[in-house]
Amino acid sequence: MRRTLLALAAAAAAAGTPVALAQSPLPAPPDPDAAPPLFRPAERAPLPDLDAPKFVDLNGSAPQAREETPLLFDPRERAEADAAAYEHPWAKRVAEARAYLRDRAGHVAFAVVDDTGTLRGLRGDVQYRSASLVKAMFLVAYLNRIPDRALTRGDRALLKPMIIRSDNDAATRVLAITGPGPVRGVARRAGMTRFALKERWGDTLVTAADQARFFARIDSLVTQRHRSYARSLLAAIVREQRWGVPPAVPDGWRVFFKGGWRPLGDRHLVNQAALLESPDRRASLAVLTVDNPSHEYGTETIRGVARRILRGLR
């Protein structure tokens, strides 16, 4: 049975007005208030089994070799294990993304949870400032406060602009309502290992691996009553913020995502994380970048990583 996920949204500080990019045509987002629910509970792609420990390849070593080779290993066996590991389609895509980043300016980390629940990436455990990426976590924390009642007009007036337009004032109000404890609770339930919520929420520290974990299992993190609404918001990000991952999504897949960006002097921080879903499969991807010469340069880096990670998906 299929299972989709919902979405999170939350806050990020000091993010300037998003920059509209003249790239490939961007799909128009659905209106979450006008569109019918985007999924029925019986039609969700299955969640990956993230509770079962799986090898995490985040720093450039072969994805399986350490699992299959003892500490005192035969060099030939280790080389064969490495070669076999990189034959895996997802491992090959990750290797292509790493190669692409060798010629990119700035500092980049990325992580992907594939359709088997395996986590791979590059510098996935390095902390970056979140900017507005953390708003997805605020969304989940807020909705989980009210599991037994319908959303009010006031709830929607806060959550919708916070997610689809990345409104900072709305995010500040949402965090003031929830308090920091529920947001940290979301991080714990998502299996995050290096999340640090800051008083200025845009300075919150996140990792690519933790954000990929979060988006991979977002369905199970949001209270059941509000899953469809959370999902609809993450699918309805405004057109000018649909850079990075969305243009790289292959036919037959849907994307639910949140970005975060801010200028840092004359350099730029640009982040994005997404859940990707086909009728019977799901994957998640997070790309964090800093020290970009421009906002547009950062979004192109994210798009380049996403195109290589998602290439060939059917």
Protein backbone atom coordinates (compact mmCIF):
# COMPACT_ATOMS: atom_id res chain seq x y z
CA MET A 1 0.00 0.00 0.00
CA ARG A 2 1.15 3.51 -0.69
CA ARG A 3 1.88 6.04 1.86
CA THR A 4 2.56 9.66 1.44
CA LEU A 5 3.86 12.13 3.79
CA LEU A 6 2.90 15.31 5.10
CA ALA A 7 4.80 18.28 5.59
CA LEU A 8 6.43 20.41 8.02
CA ALA A 9 7.13 23.96 8.10
CA ALA A 10 8.73 26.29 10.47
CA ALA A 11 10.87 29.24 10.99
CA ALA A 12 14.03 30.76 9.80
CA ALA A 13 15.41 34.12 10.67
CA ALA A 14 16.42 37.09 8.70
CA ALA A 15 15.63 35.49 5.38
CA GLY A 16 15.36 38.16 2.75
CA THR A 17 12.80 38.32 0.00
CA PRO A 18 13.27 35.24 -2.19
CA VAL A 19 14.91 35.78 -5.52
CA ALA A 20 12.91 34.78 -8.58
CA LEU A 21 15.06 32.79 -10.98
CA ALA A 22 14.82 32.65 -14.75
CA GLN A 23 15.39 28.90 -15.04
CA SER A 24 13.35 26.13 -16.57
CA PRO A 25 9.57 26.55 -16.24
CA LEU A 26 8.35 25.89 -12.74
CA PRO A 27 5.13 24.02 -11.99
CA ALA A 28 2.35 26.07 -10.49
CA PRO A 29 1.74 24.96 -6.91
CA PRO A 30 -1.73 23.80 -5.88
CA ASP A 31 -3.79 26.00 -3.59
CA PRO A 32 -4.10 24.08 -0.30
CA ASP A 33 -7.41 25.74 0.53
CA ALA A 34 -9.00 25.05 -2.84
CA ALA A 35 -7.65 21.63 -3.73
CA PRO A 36 -9.11 18.40 -2.37
CA PRO A 37 -6.94 16.32 -0.02
CA LEU A 38 -3.85 15.17 -1.87
CA PHE A 39 -4.05 11.64 -0.64
CA ARG A 40 -6.23 9.09 1.06
CA PRO A 41 -4.78 7.15 3.99
CA ALA A 42 -5.06 3.90 2.04
CA GLU A 43 -2.99 5.34 -0.82
CA ARG A 44 0.27 6.31 0.82
CA ALA A 45 3.63 5.01 -0.26
CA PRO A 46 5.15 2.92 2.54
CA LEU A 47 7.41 4.63 5.04
CA PRO A 48 11.01 3.41 4.99
CA ASP A 49 12.05 1.27 7.93
CA LEU A 50 14.34 3.83 9.55
CA ASP A 51 14.24 2.07 12.92
CA ALA A 52 16.33 -0.79 11.56
CA PRO A 53 19.99 0.28 11.66
CA LYS A 54 21.38 0.76 8.18
CA PHE A 55 24.83 1.77 7.07
CA VAL A 56 25.15 5.51 6.70
CA ASP A 57 27.63 6.59 4.05
CA LEU A 58 28.05 10.31 4.67
CA ASN A 59 31.72 11.03 4.27
CA GLY A 60 32.90 9.43 1.06
CA SER A 61 33.60 5.80 1.94
CA ALA A 62 31.96 2.96 0.06
CA PRO A 63 28.36 2.39 1.15
CA GLN A 64 28.67 -1.25 2.21
CA ALA A 65 32.30 -2.14 2.70
CA ARG A 66 32.47 -1.52 6.42
CA GLU A 67 29.44 -3.71 7.01
CA GLU A 68 30.83 -6.63 5.07
CA THR A 69 34.53 -6.52 5.94
CA PRO A 70 35.95 -7.09 9.44
CA LEU A 71 38.38 -4.65 11.00
CA LEU A 72 41.32 -6.87 10.01
CA PHE A 73 40.48 -7.34 6.39
CA ASP A 74 42.06 -8.68 3.26
CA PRO A 75 42.75 -5.72 0.89
CA ARG A 76 41.38 -7.60 -2.10
CA GLU A 77 38.15 -8.45 -0.29
CA ARG A 78 37.77 -4.82 0.78
CA ALA A 79 38.30 -3.60 -2.79
CA GLU A 80 35.72 -6.07 -4.09
CA ALA A 81 33.24 -4.98 -1.42
CA ASP A 82 33.78 -1.34 -2.37
CA ALA A 83 33.26 -2.06 -6.06
CA ALA A 84 30.08 -4.03 -5.39
CA ALA A 85 28.72 -1.28 -3.17
CA TYR A 86 29.14 1.39 -5.82
CA GLU A 87 27.20 -0.70 -8.33
CA HIS A 88 24.04 0.08 -6.38
CA PRO A 89 22.00 2.65 -8.38
CA TRP A 90 21.58 5.04 -5.46
CA ALA A 91 25.27 4.81 -4.55
CA LYS A 92 26.21 5.62 -8.14
CA ARG A 93 23.92 8.66 -8.12
CA VAL A 94 25.45 9.88 -4.86
CA ALA A 95 28.93 9.45 -6.35
CA GLU A 96 27.89 11.55 -9.36
CA ALA A 97 26.60 14.29 -7.09
CA ARG A 98 29.85 14.30 -5.13
CA ALA A 99 31.84 14.60 -8.35
CA TYR A 100 29.66 17.54 -9.47
CA LEU A 101 30.39 19.39 -6.23
CA ARG A 102 34.16 19.31 -6.75
CA ASP A 103 33.83 22.22 -9.16
CA ARG A 104 31.28 24.24 -7.15
CA ALA A 105 32.15 27.17 -4.91
CA GLY A 106 31.00 27.35 -1.30
CA HIS A 107 30.47 24.60 1.24
CA VAL A 108 27.85 21.92 0.56
CA ALA A 109 26.44 18.95 2.44
CA PHE A 110 23.72 16.62 1.22
CA ALA A 111 21.96 13.46 2.32
CA VAL A 112 19.43 11.17 0.69
CA VAL A 113 17.24 8.47 2.20
CA ASP A 114 16.54 6.09 -0.66
CA ASP A 115 13.47 3.95 -1.22
CA THR A 116 14.89 1.18 0.99
CA GLY A 117 15.51 3.52 3.92
CA THR A 118 19.29 3.63 3.44
CA LEU A 119 20.98 6.98 4.13
CA ARG A 120 23.85 8.19 1.96
CA GLY A 121 25.43 11.53 1.25
CA LEU A 122 28.37 13.87 1.73
CA ARG A 123 29.26 15.68 4.96
CA GLY A 124 25.80 14.73 6.16
CA ASP A 125 26.60 15.23 9.85
CA VAL A 126 28.07 18.74 9.50
CA GLN A 127 25.91 21.44 11.11
CA TYR A 128 24.66 24.38 9.05
CA ARG A 129 22.38 27.26 10.02
CA SER A 130 18.86 26.36 9.03
CA ALA A 131 17.33 29.69 8.02
CA SER A 132 13.70 29.00 7.08
CA LEU A 133 14.22 25.27 6.61
CA VAL A 134 13.32 24.79 10.29
CA LYS A 135 9.79 26.09 9.62
CA ALA A 136 8.77 22.61 8.49
CA MET A 137 9.54 21.37 11.99
CA PHE A 138 7.54 24.26 13.48
CA LEU A 139 4.59 23.16 11.35
CA VAL A 140 4.72 19.63 12.73
CA ALA A 141 5.11 20.84 16.31
CA TYR A 142 2.13 23.19 15.98
CA LEU A 143 -0.20 20.62 14.41
CA ASN A 144 0.69 18.05 17.05
CA ARG A 145 -0.59 20.45 19.74
CA ILE A 146 -4.11 20.09 18.40
CA PRO A 147 -4.58 16.42 17.45
CA ASP A 148 -8.24 16.27 18.39
CA ARG A 149 -9.76 19.41 16.93
CA ALA A 150 -10.28 20.93 13.50
CA LEU A 151 -8.04 23.70 12.29
CA THR A 152 -9.43 27.17 12.84
CA ARG A 153 -9.14 30.21 10.59
CA GLY A 154 -6.51 31.51 12.99
CA ASP A 155 -4.45 28.32 12.70
CA ARG A 156 -4.48 28.52 8.93
CA ALA A 157 -3.67 32.24 8.96
CA LEU A 158 -0.41 31.39 10.73
CA LEU A 159 0.59 28.13 9.09
CA LYS A 160 -0.21 28.80 5.45
CA PRO A 161 1.97 31.93 5.03
CA MET A 162 4.73 30.43 7.17
CA ILE A 163 5.09 27.51 4.79
CA ILE A 164 4.01 28.53 1.31
CA ARG A 165 5.51 32.06 1.42
CA SER A 166 8.09 31.45 4.18
CA ASP A 167 6.72 34.34 6.26
CA ASN A 168 9.11 35.05 9.13
CA ASP A 169 6.64 36.89 11.36
CA ALA A 170 4.23 33.96 11.19
CA ALA A 171 7.05 31.58 12.09
CA THR A 172 8.01 33.67 15.11
CA ARG A 173 4.40 33.61 16.31
CA VAL A 174 4.13 29.84 15.76
CA LEU A 175 7.27 29.21 17.81
CA ALA A 176 5.99 31.50 20.55
CA ILE A 177 2.81 29.40 20.72
CA THR A 178 4.48 25.99 20.72
CA GLY A 179 7.57 26.87 22.72
CA PRO A 180 10.92 25.16 22.07
CA GLY A 181 10.09 21.86 23.80
CA PRO A 182 7.70 20.50 21.15
CA VAL A 183 10.12 21.42 18.36
CA ARG A 184 12.91 19.51 20.11
CA GLY A 185 10.42 16.68 20.55
CA VAL A 186 9.90 16.55 16.78
CA ALA A 187 13.67 16.32 16.36
CA ARG A 188 13.88 13.42 18.80
CA ARG A 189 11.04 11.53 17.15
CA ALA A 190 12.62 12.05 13.73
CA GLY A 191 15.87 10.50 14.93
CA MET A 192 17.90 13.70 14.59
CA THR A 193 21.32 13.52 16.20
CA ARG A 194 22.74 17.06 15.83
CA PHE A 195 19.77 19.43 15.98
CA ALA A 196 20.20 22.61 18.05
CA LEU A 197 17.30 25.08 18.27
CA LYS A 198 18.55 28.65 18.83
CA GLU A 199 16.82 31.67 20.34
CA ARG A 200 17.06 33.35 16.94
CA TRP A 201 15.41 30.52 15.13
CA GLY A 202 17.11 31.26 11.80
CA ASP A 203 20.42 30.39 13.47
CA THR A 204 19.17 26.93 14.45
CA LEU A 205 21.74 24.26 13.60
CA VAL A 206 20.72 21.35 11.40
CA THR A 207 22.46 18.66 9.36
CA ALA A 208 21.63 17.27 5.94
CA ALA A 209 21.31 13.77 7.40
CA ASP A 210 18.86 14.90 10.06
CA GLN A 211 16.71 16.81 7.57
CA ALA A 212 16.65 13.83 5.21
CA ARG A 213 15.54 11.62 8.12
CA PHE A 214 12.85 14.12 9.05
CA PHE A 215 11.33 14.41 5.57
CA ALA A 216 11.56 10.66 4.98
CA ARG A 217 9.24 9.90 7.89
CA ILE A 218 7.16 13.05 8.08
CA ASP A 219 3.91 11.10 7.73
CA SER A 220 4.48 9.39 11.05
CA LEU A 221 5.56 12.62 12.76
CA VAL A 222 2.36 14.60 12.14
CA THR A 223 -0.81 13.79 13.99
CA GLN A 224 -3.09 11.76 11.72
CA ARG A 225 -5.93 14.29 11.71
CA HIS A 226 -3.74 17.00 10.14
CA ARG A 227 -1.48 14.99 7.85
CA SER A 228 -3.36 15.90 4.69
CA TYR A 229 -3.19 19.61 5.53
CA ALA A 230 0.53 19.54 6.30
CA ARG A 231 1.17 17.69 3.08
CA SER A 232 -0.87 20.16 1.07
CA LEU A 233 1.13 23.11 2.38
CA LEU A 234 4.47 21.54 1.54
CA ALA A 235 3.20 20.88 -1.99
CA ALA A 236 1.99 24.47 -2.46
CA ILE A 237 5.16 26.54 -2.03
CA VAL A 238 4.89 29.72 -4.12
CA ARG A 239 6.33 29.68 -7.62
CA GLU A 240 9.31 31.94 -6.94
CA GLN A 241 10.55 29.60 -4.20
CA ARG A 242 10.29 26.40 -6.26
CA TRP A 243 13.97 26.39 -7.17
CA GLY A 244 16.45 23.61 -6.46
CA VAL A 245 14.80 20.22 -6.06
CA PRO A 246 11.38 20.77 -7.74
CA PRO A 247 12.73 21.35 -11.28
CA ALA A 248 14.71 18.09 -10.96
CA VAL A 249 11.77 15.87 -9.95
CA PRO A 250 11.24 13.12 -12.55
CA ASP A 251 7.91 12.41 -14.21
CA GLY A 252 5.58 10.37 -12.05
CA TRP A 253 6.97 11.72 -8.76
CA ARG A 254 5.59 14.43 -6.48
CA VAL A 255 7.59 16.73 -4.25
CA PHE A 256 6.85 18.13 -0.78
CA PHE A 257 9.56 20.49 0.39
CA LYS A 258 10.79 23.54 2.26
CA GLY A 259 13.71 25.88 1.63
CA GLY A 260 15.69 28.32 3.70
CA TRP A 261 17.96 31.14 2.57
CA ARG A 262 19.57 34.33 3.85
CA PRO A 263 22.40 36.67 2.97
CA LEU A 264 25.52 36.48 5.14
CA GLY A 265 27.38 39.65 4.30
CA ASP A 266 28.26 39.39 0.63
CA ARG A 267 27.82 35.61 0.68
CA HIS A 268 24.63 33.54 0.76
CA LEU A 269 23.21 30.55 2.63
CA VAL A 270 20.74 28.44 0.61
CA ASN A 271 19.13 25.21 1.90
CA GLN A 272 16.36 22.89 0.75
CA ALA A 273 14.93 19.55 1.86
CA ALA A 274 12.21 17.47 0.25
CA LEU A 275 10.16 14.33 0.33
CA LEU A 276 9.72 12.73 -3.10
CA GLU A 277 6.97 10.25 -3.75
CA SER A 278 5.81 8.03 -6.58
CA PRO A 279 2.76 5.75 -6.41
CA ASP A 280 4.75 3.03 -4.65
CA ARG A 281 8.08 4.52 -3.59
CA ARG A 282 9.41 7.43 -1.60
CA ALA A 283 12.77 9.06 -0.99
CA SER A 284 13.99 12.21 0.72
CA LEU A 285 16.79 14.62 -0.06
CA ALA A 286 18.36 17.51 1.86
CA VAL A 287 21.00 19.87 0.45
CA LEU A 288 22.61 22.54 2.66
CA THR A 289 24.89 25.19 1.19
CA VAL A 290 26.75 28.21 2.55
CA ASP A 291 29.33 30.73 1.31
CA ASN A 292 27.65 31.00 -2.10
CA PRO A 293 28.56 34.07 -4.18
CA SER A 294 24.84 34.67 -4.82
CA HIS A 295 21.41 33.27 -4.02
CA GLU A 296 21.08 32.08 -7.60
CA TYR A 297 24.40 30.25 -7.41
CA GLY A 298 23.24 28.37 -4.32
CA THR A 299 19.96 27.35 -5.94
CA GLU A 300 21.85 26.09 -9.00
CA THR A 301 24.08 23.97 -6.75
CA ILE A 302 21.01 22.41 -5.11
CA ARG A 303 19.42 21.79 -8.49
CA GLY A 304 22.64 20.18 -9.78
CA VAL A 305 22.80 17.81 -6.82
CA ALA A 306 19.10 16.95 -7.12
CA ARG A 307 19.32 16.22 -10.84
CA ARG A 308 22.12 13.73 -10.26
CA ILE A 309 20.50 12.09 -7.25
CA LEU A 310 17.14 11.72 -9.00
CA ARG A 311 18.41 10.85 -12.47
CA GLY A 312 16.92 7.67 -13.89
CA LEU A 313 14.15 7.29 -11.28
CA ARG A 314 10.99 5.67 -12.61
